[in-house]
Amino acid sequence: PDPRVPHVPPARFASRLVLPVPVPNTDQILFGARRLATELAGFLTGRGAGATQLLFLLEHEAPPVTRIVLELSMPNRDAAHFMVLLRERLARLELPGPVEAFSLHCTQTMQLAPRNFSLFATRETATEHRAELVERLRARLGRQAVQGLVLVPEHRPELAFREAEPGSAAPVPCDALRPLWLLAAPRPIAAGGLEFLAGPERIESGWWDGNDVRRDYYVAAQQDGSRVWVYCHRDGTGEPERWFVHGLFG
């Protein structure tokens, strides 16, 4: 037998639909796009693959062409899911003019591993549902508006996390009590109306980069019953200075 591995070209899909008359709104575009999405789903199913990125082009009487890029967190070949993402993007789109034709392209695919279907929900199914939710939110709000968070080894709370791809970071156990909502910048607060529930937790860090902090954090309750994460900055004598609220508990 020939020892050389045969070249298998990547799966590429492109389908174009010319409209009988130019259409000025997206509802009529969605009706025709459903046919292209069904064709793509059959194309991917026959190759055991899933799409990771789609390109939808809207052609107008005068250039330029309107480009809509749909990015998927996981390989997918569900035509209904493609239409949900496209509907969200078209709802935010202001057409520069009537659409005469449109096309759907898929140039990035990945092989899908065989799977066993079950009557009960599995971890794999839950992961797929989370990925589809993220994709739908990004299609509606924009990619930068939907991000995950990952912890980094840093004691200062405002520097202890960074943005990451949703679902890419494993949960990290933390014994300290932390608020879910951290303010963009600490706000001054009067300590007289606070009831301290837990603390202090001392954080001293940042001497090496010029942003030295020396704080004592407390979990406190305000007069309206809400819980806040507050701290006081202490000088070398240990006397408290101004108090700040840094986070809010749900």
Protein backbone atom coordinates (compact mmCIF):
# COMPACT_ATOMS: atom_id res chain seq x y z
CA PRO A 1 0.00 0.00 0.00
CA ASP A 2 1.00 3.58 -0.58
CA PRO A 3 2.66 4.78 2.68
CA ARG A 4 1.82 8.41 1.99
CA VAL A 5 -1.10 9.89 3.89
CA PRO A 6 -3.64 11.23 1.37
CA HIS A 7 -4.39 14.92 1.54
CA VAL A 8 -7.89 15.67 2.79
CA PRO A 9 -8.96 19.23 1.98
CA PRO A 10 -10.73 21.09 4.79
CA ALA A 11 -14.49 21.14 4.68
CA ARG A 12 -15.65 24.41 3.12
CA PHE A 13 -19.18 25.51 2.45
CA ALA A 14 -20.57 28.40 0.46
CA SER A 15 -24.13 28.92 -0.72
CA ARG A 16 -25.70 32.03 -2.26
CA LEU A 17 -29.29 33.05 -2.71
CA VAL A 18 -30.41 35.78 -5.14
CA LEU A 19 -33.69 37.42 -4.15
CA PRO A 20 -36.41 38.00 -6.75
CA VAL A 21 -36.70 41.64 -5.63
CA PRO A 22 -34.54 43.72 -3.24
CA VAL A 23 -35.78 43.54 0.35
CA PRO A 24 -35.43 46.45 2.80
CA ASN A 25 -35.81 44.58 6.10
CA THR A 26 -34.24 41.62 7.87
CA ASP A 27 -37.40 39.53 8.33
CA GLN A 28 -37.44 38.49 4.68
CA ILE A 29 -33.72 37.80 4.84
CA LEU A 30 -34.21 35.37 7.71
CA PHE A 31 -36.81 33.45 5.76
CA GLY A 32 -34.33 32.74 2.95
CA ALA A 33 -31.36 32.28 5.28
CA ARG A 34 -33.10 29.32 6.90
CA ARG A 35 -32.65 27.40 3.66
CA LEU A 36 -28.91 28.11 3.61
CA ALA A 37 -28.56 27.11 7.28
CA THR A 38 -30.32 23.80 6.55
CA GLU A 39 -27.96 23.16 3.63
CA LEU A 40 -24.96 23.87 5.88
CA ALA A 41 -26.25 21.52 8.59
CA GLY A 42 -26.56 18.71 6.03
CA PHE A 43 -23.08 19.47 4.69
CA LEU A 44 -21.56 19.27 8.19
CA THR A 45 -23.51 16.15 9.16
CA GLY A 46 -22.25 14.29 6.10
CA ARG A 47 -18.66 15.03 7.11
CA GLY A 48 -19.06 14.44 10.84
CA ALA A 49 -17.95 18.01 11.52
CA GLY A 50 -19.17 21.14 13.24
CA ALA A 51 -18.74 24.78 12.33
CA THR A 52 -16.65 27.08 14.52
CA GLN A 53 -17.15 30.27 12.50
CA LEU A 54 -19.72 31.41 9.95
CA LEU A 55 -19.68 34.34 7.55
CA PHE A 56 -22.95 35.81 6.32
CA LEU A 57 -22.70 38.33 3.47
CA LEU A 58 -25.44 40.74 2.44
CA GLU A 59 -25.14 42.16 -1.07
CA HIS A 60 -26.63 45.56 -1.85
CA GLU A 61 -27.14 47.42 -5.09
CA ALA A 62 -24.12 49.58 -4.27
CA PRO A 63 -21.03 48.35 -2.43
CA PRO A 64 -19.78 47.64 0.15
CA VAL A 65 -21.06 44.23 1.16
CA THR A 66 -22.36 43.89 4.74
CA ARG A 67 -20.35 41.23 6.62
CA ILE A 68 -21.70 39.36 9.63
CA VAL A 69 -19.28 37.02 11.41
CA LEU A 70 -20.77 34.42 13.76
CA GLU A 71 -18.24 32.85 16.13
CA LEU A 72 -19.08 29.66 17.98
CA SER A 73 -17.48 28.57 21.25
CA MET A 74 -17.87 24.89 20.38
CA PRO A 75 -18.26 23.10 17.02
CA ASN A 76 -21.93 23.04 16.10
CA ARG A 77 -24.03 21.85 13.16
CA ASP A 78 -27.51 22.71 14.40
CA ALA A 79 -29.35 24.80 11.80
CA ALA A 80 -31.78 26.12 14.42
CA HIS A 81 -28.89 27.42 16.54
CA PHE A 82 -27.34 29.09 13.51
CA MET A 83 -30.63 30.89 12.88
CA VAL A 84 -30.89 32.05 16.51
CA LEU A 85 -27.44 33.66 16.31
CA LEU A 86 -28.17 35.23 12.93
CA ARG A 87 -31.51 36.59 14.14
CA GLU A 88 -29.82 38.25 17.14
CA ARG A 89 -27.19 39.88 14.93
CA LEU A 90 -29.66 41.06 12.30
CA ALA A 91 -31.85 42.60 15.00
CA ARG A 92 -28.96 44.96 15.88
CA LEU A 93 -28.07 45.69 12.26
CA GLU A 94 -29.04 48.82 10.36
CA LEU A 95 -29.03 47.99 6.66
CA PRO A 96 -27.31 50.56 4.42
CA GLY A 97 -29.76 49.72 1.65
CA PRO A 98 -32.06 47.00 0.26
CA VAL A 99 -30.53 43.52 0.02
CA GLU A 100 -30.41 41.91 -3.42
CA ALA A 101 -28.63 38.68 -2.51
CA PHE A 102 -26.93 37.03 0.44
CA SER A 103 -24.63 34.09 1.01
CA LEU A 104 -23.51 31.85 3.87
CA HIS A 105 -19.91 30.69 4.13
CA CYS A 106 -18.23 28.23 6.49
CA THR A 107 -14.45 27.95 6.27
CA GLN A 108 -13.61 26.85 9.82
CA THR A 109 -14.77 23.44 10.96
CA MET A 110 -13.74 20.78 13.46
CA GLN A 111 -14.47 17.09 13.63
CA LEU A 112 -17.14 16.10 16.13
CA ALA A 113 -16.50 13.01 18.21
CA PRO A 114 -19.23 10.36 18.19
CA ARG A 115 -21.51 10.61 21.20
CA ASN A 116 -24.04 8.43 22.96
CA PHE A 117 -27.43 9.97 23.56
CA SER A 118 -29.04 9.58 26.96
CA LEU A 119 -32.45 10.19 28.44
CA PHE A 120 -30.83 12.12 31.27
CA ALA A 121 -28.86 15.37 31.20
CA THR A 122 -25.09 14.87 31.28
CA ARG A 123 -22.16 17.17 31.95
CA GLU A 124 -21.45 17.26 28.22
CA THR A 125 -24.99 18.42 27.49
CA ALA A 126 -24.77 21.12 30.18
CA THR A 127 -21.50 22.38 28.68
CA GLU A 128 -23.10 22.60 25.24
CA HIS A 129 -26.05 24.55 26.65
CA ARG A 130 -23.72 27.01 28.39
CA ALA A 131 -21.74 27.49 25.18
CA GLU A 132 -24.92 28.14 23.18
CA LEU A 133 -26.06 30.68 25.79
CA VAL A 134 -22.73 32.52 25.59
CA GLU A 135 -22.89 32.56 21.79
CA ARG A 136 -26.43 33.95 21.84
CA LEU A 137 -25.52 36.68 24.33
CA ARG A 138 -22.49 37.65 22.27
CA ALA A 139 -24.58 37.79 19.12
CA ARG A 140 -26.99 40.16 20.88
CA LEU A 141 -24.58 42.29 22.96
CA GLY A 142 -21.25 41.96 21.17
CA ARG A 143 -18.24 39.76 21.88
CA GLN A 144 -16.50 42.16 24.26
CA ALA A 145 -19.64 42.54 26.39
CA VAL A 146 -19.65 38.85 27.37
CA GLN A 147 -16.45 37.68 29.03
CA GLY A 148 -15.42 35.21 31.69
CA LEU A 149 -13.12 35.84 34.62
CA VAL A 150 -10.08 33.90 35.78
CA LEU A 151 -8.21 34.36 39.06
CA VAL A 152 -4.55 35.34 39.04
CA PRO A 153 -2.04 35.07 41.90
CA GLU A 154 -2.38 38.59 43.31
CA HIS A 155 -3.44 39.66 46.82
CA ARG A 156 -4.84 43.06 45.82
CA PRO A 157 -8.51 42.38 44.97
CA GLU A 158 -8.67 44.84 42.06
CA LEU A 159 -5.77 43.02 40.37
CA ALA A 160 -6.66 39.45 41.32
CA PHE A 161 -8.61 38.62 38.15
CA ARG A 162 -8.56 39.15 34.41
CA GLU A 163 -10.92 38.58 31.52
CA ALA A 164 -10.89 35.18 29.83
CA GLU A 165 -12.94 33.14 27.41
CA PRO A 166 -16.15 32.06 29.19
CA GLY A 167 -15.80 28.56 30.59
CA SER A 168 -12.06 28.33 29.91
CA ALA A 169 -10.97 28.60 33.55
CA ALA A 170 -11.54 25.93 36.17
CA PRO A 171 -13.12 27.12 39.45
CA VAL A 172 -10.57 27.95 42.13
CA PRO A 173 -11.50 27.29 45.77
CA CYS A 174 -11.24 30.31 48.04
CA ASP A 175 -11.68 30.17 51.81
CA ALA A 176 -11.92 33.94 52.22
CA LEU A 177 -15.32 35.61 52.03
CA ARG A 178 -15.44 37.68 48.86
CA PRO A 179 -18.24 39.78 47.33
CA LEU A 180 -19.58 38.94 43.89
CA TRP A 181 -19.61 42.62 42.83
CA LEU A 182 -16.31 44.49 43.14
CA LEU A 183 -16.51 48.23 42.51
CA ALA A 184 -14.37 49.67 39.73
CA ALA A 185 -12.80 52.00 42.30
CA PRO A 186 -13.21 52.05 46.12
CA ARG A 187 -15.62 54.72 47.39
CA PRO A 188 -15.27 56.62 50.69
CA ILE A 189 -17.81 55.64 53.33
CA ALA A 190 -18.58 56.66 56.90
CA ALA A 191 -17.84 53.88 59.37
CA GLY A 192 -20.33 55.15 61.93
CA GLY A 193 -23.35 53.49 60.34
CA LEU A 194 -21.72 50.08 59.80
CA GLU A 195 -22.17 46.87 61.79
CA PHE A 196 -19.08 44.70 61.39
CA LEU A 197 -19.88 41.02 60.82
CA ALA A 198 -16.50 39.50 59.96
CA GLY A 199 -12.87 40.55 59.83
CA PRO A 200 -10.38 41.96 59.82
CA GLU A 201 -8.54 40.41 56.88
CA ARG A 202 -5.24 42.21 56.36
CA ILE A 203 -3.83 42.66 52.86
CA GLU A 204 -0.37 44.18 52.45
CA SER A 205 1.05 44.01 48.94
CA GLY A 206 2.32 45.93 45.93
CA TRP A 207 5.52 47.43 47.31
CA TRP A 208 7.45 46.21 44.25
CA ASP A 209 5.39 48.06 41.61
CA GLY A 210 4.76 51.37 43.36
CA ASN A 211 1.12 50.58 44.24
CA ASP A 212 1.67 49.60 47.84
CA VAL A 213 -1.52 48.87 49.81
CA ARG A 214 -2.06 48.21 53.51
CA ARG A 215 -5.68 47.45 54.18
CA ASP A 216 -7.86 45.75 56.79
CA TYR A 217 -11.01 44.33 55.17
CA TYR A 218 -14.30 43.71 56.97
CA VAL A 219 -17.68 42.32 56.02
CA ALA A 220 -20.18 44.88 57.31
CA ALA A 221 -23.92 45.51 57.27
CA GLN A 222 -25.35 48.94 56.46
CA GLN A 223 -28.41 50.44 58.12
CA ASP A 224 -30.65 49.26 55.25
CA GLY A 225 -29.50 45.64 55.81
CA SER A 226 -27.27 45.36 52.75
CA ARG A 227 -23.84 43.77 53.20
CA VAL A 228 -20.70 45.49 51.95
CA TRP A 229 -16.99 44.75 51.84
CA VAL A 230 -15.14 47.66 53.44
CA TYR A 231 -11.58 48.40 54.42
CA CYS A 232 -9.58 51.00 56.28
CA HIS A 233 -6.09 52.01 55.29
CA ARG A 234 -3.70 51.90 58.25
CA ASP A 235 -0.51 53.88 58.52
CA GLY A 236 2.64 52.83 60.32
CA THR A 237 1.17 53.60 63.75
CA GLY A 238 -1.79 51.25 63.25
CA GLU A 239 -4.39 54.02 63.58
CA PRO A 240 -7.32 53.74 61.14
CA GLU A 241 -7.61 56.36 58.44
CA ARG A 242 -10.47 56.82 55.97
CA TRP A 243 -12.89 53.96 55.32
CA PHE A 244 -13.78 52.75 51.84
CA VAL A 245 -16.36 50.36 50.41
CA HIS A 246 -14.81 48.04 47.82
CA GLY A 247 -17.47 45.42 47.12
CA LEU A 248 -21.15 44.56 47.45
CA PHE A 249 -22.65 41.23 48.48
CA GLY A 250 -25.80 39.95 46.81
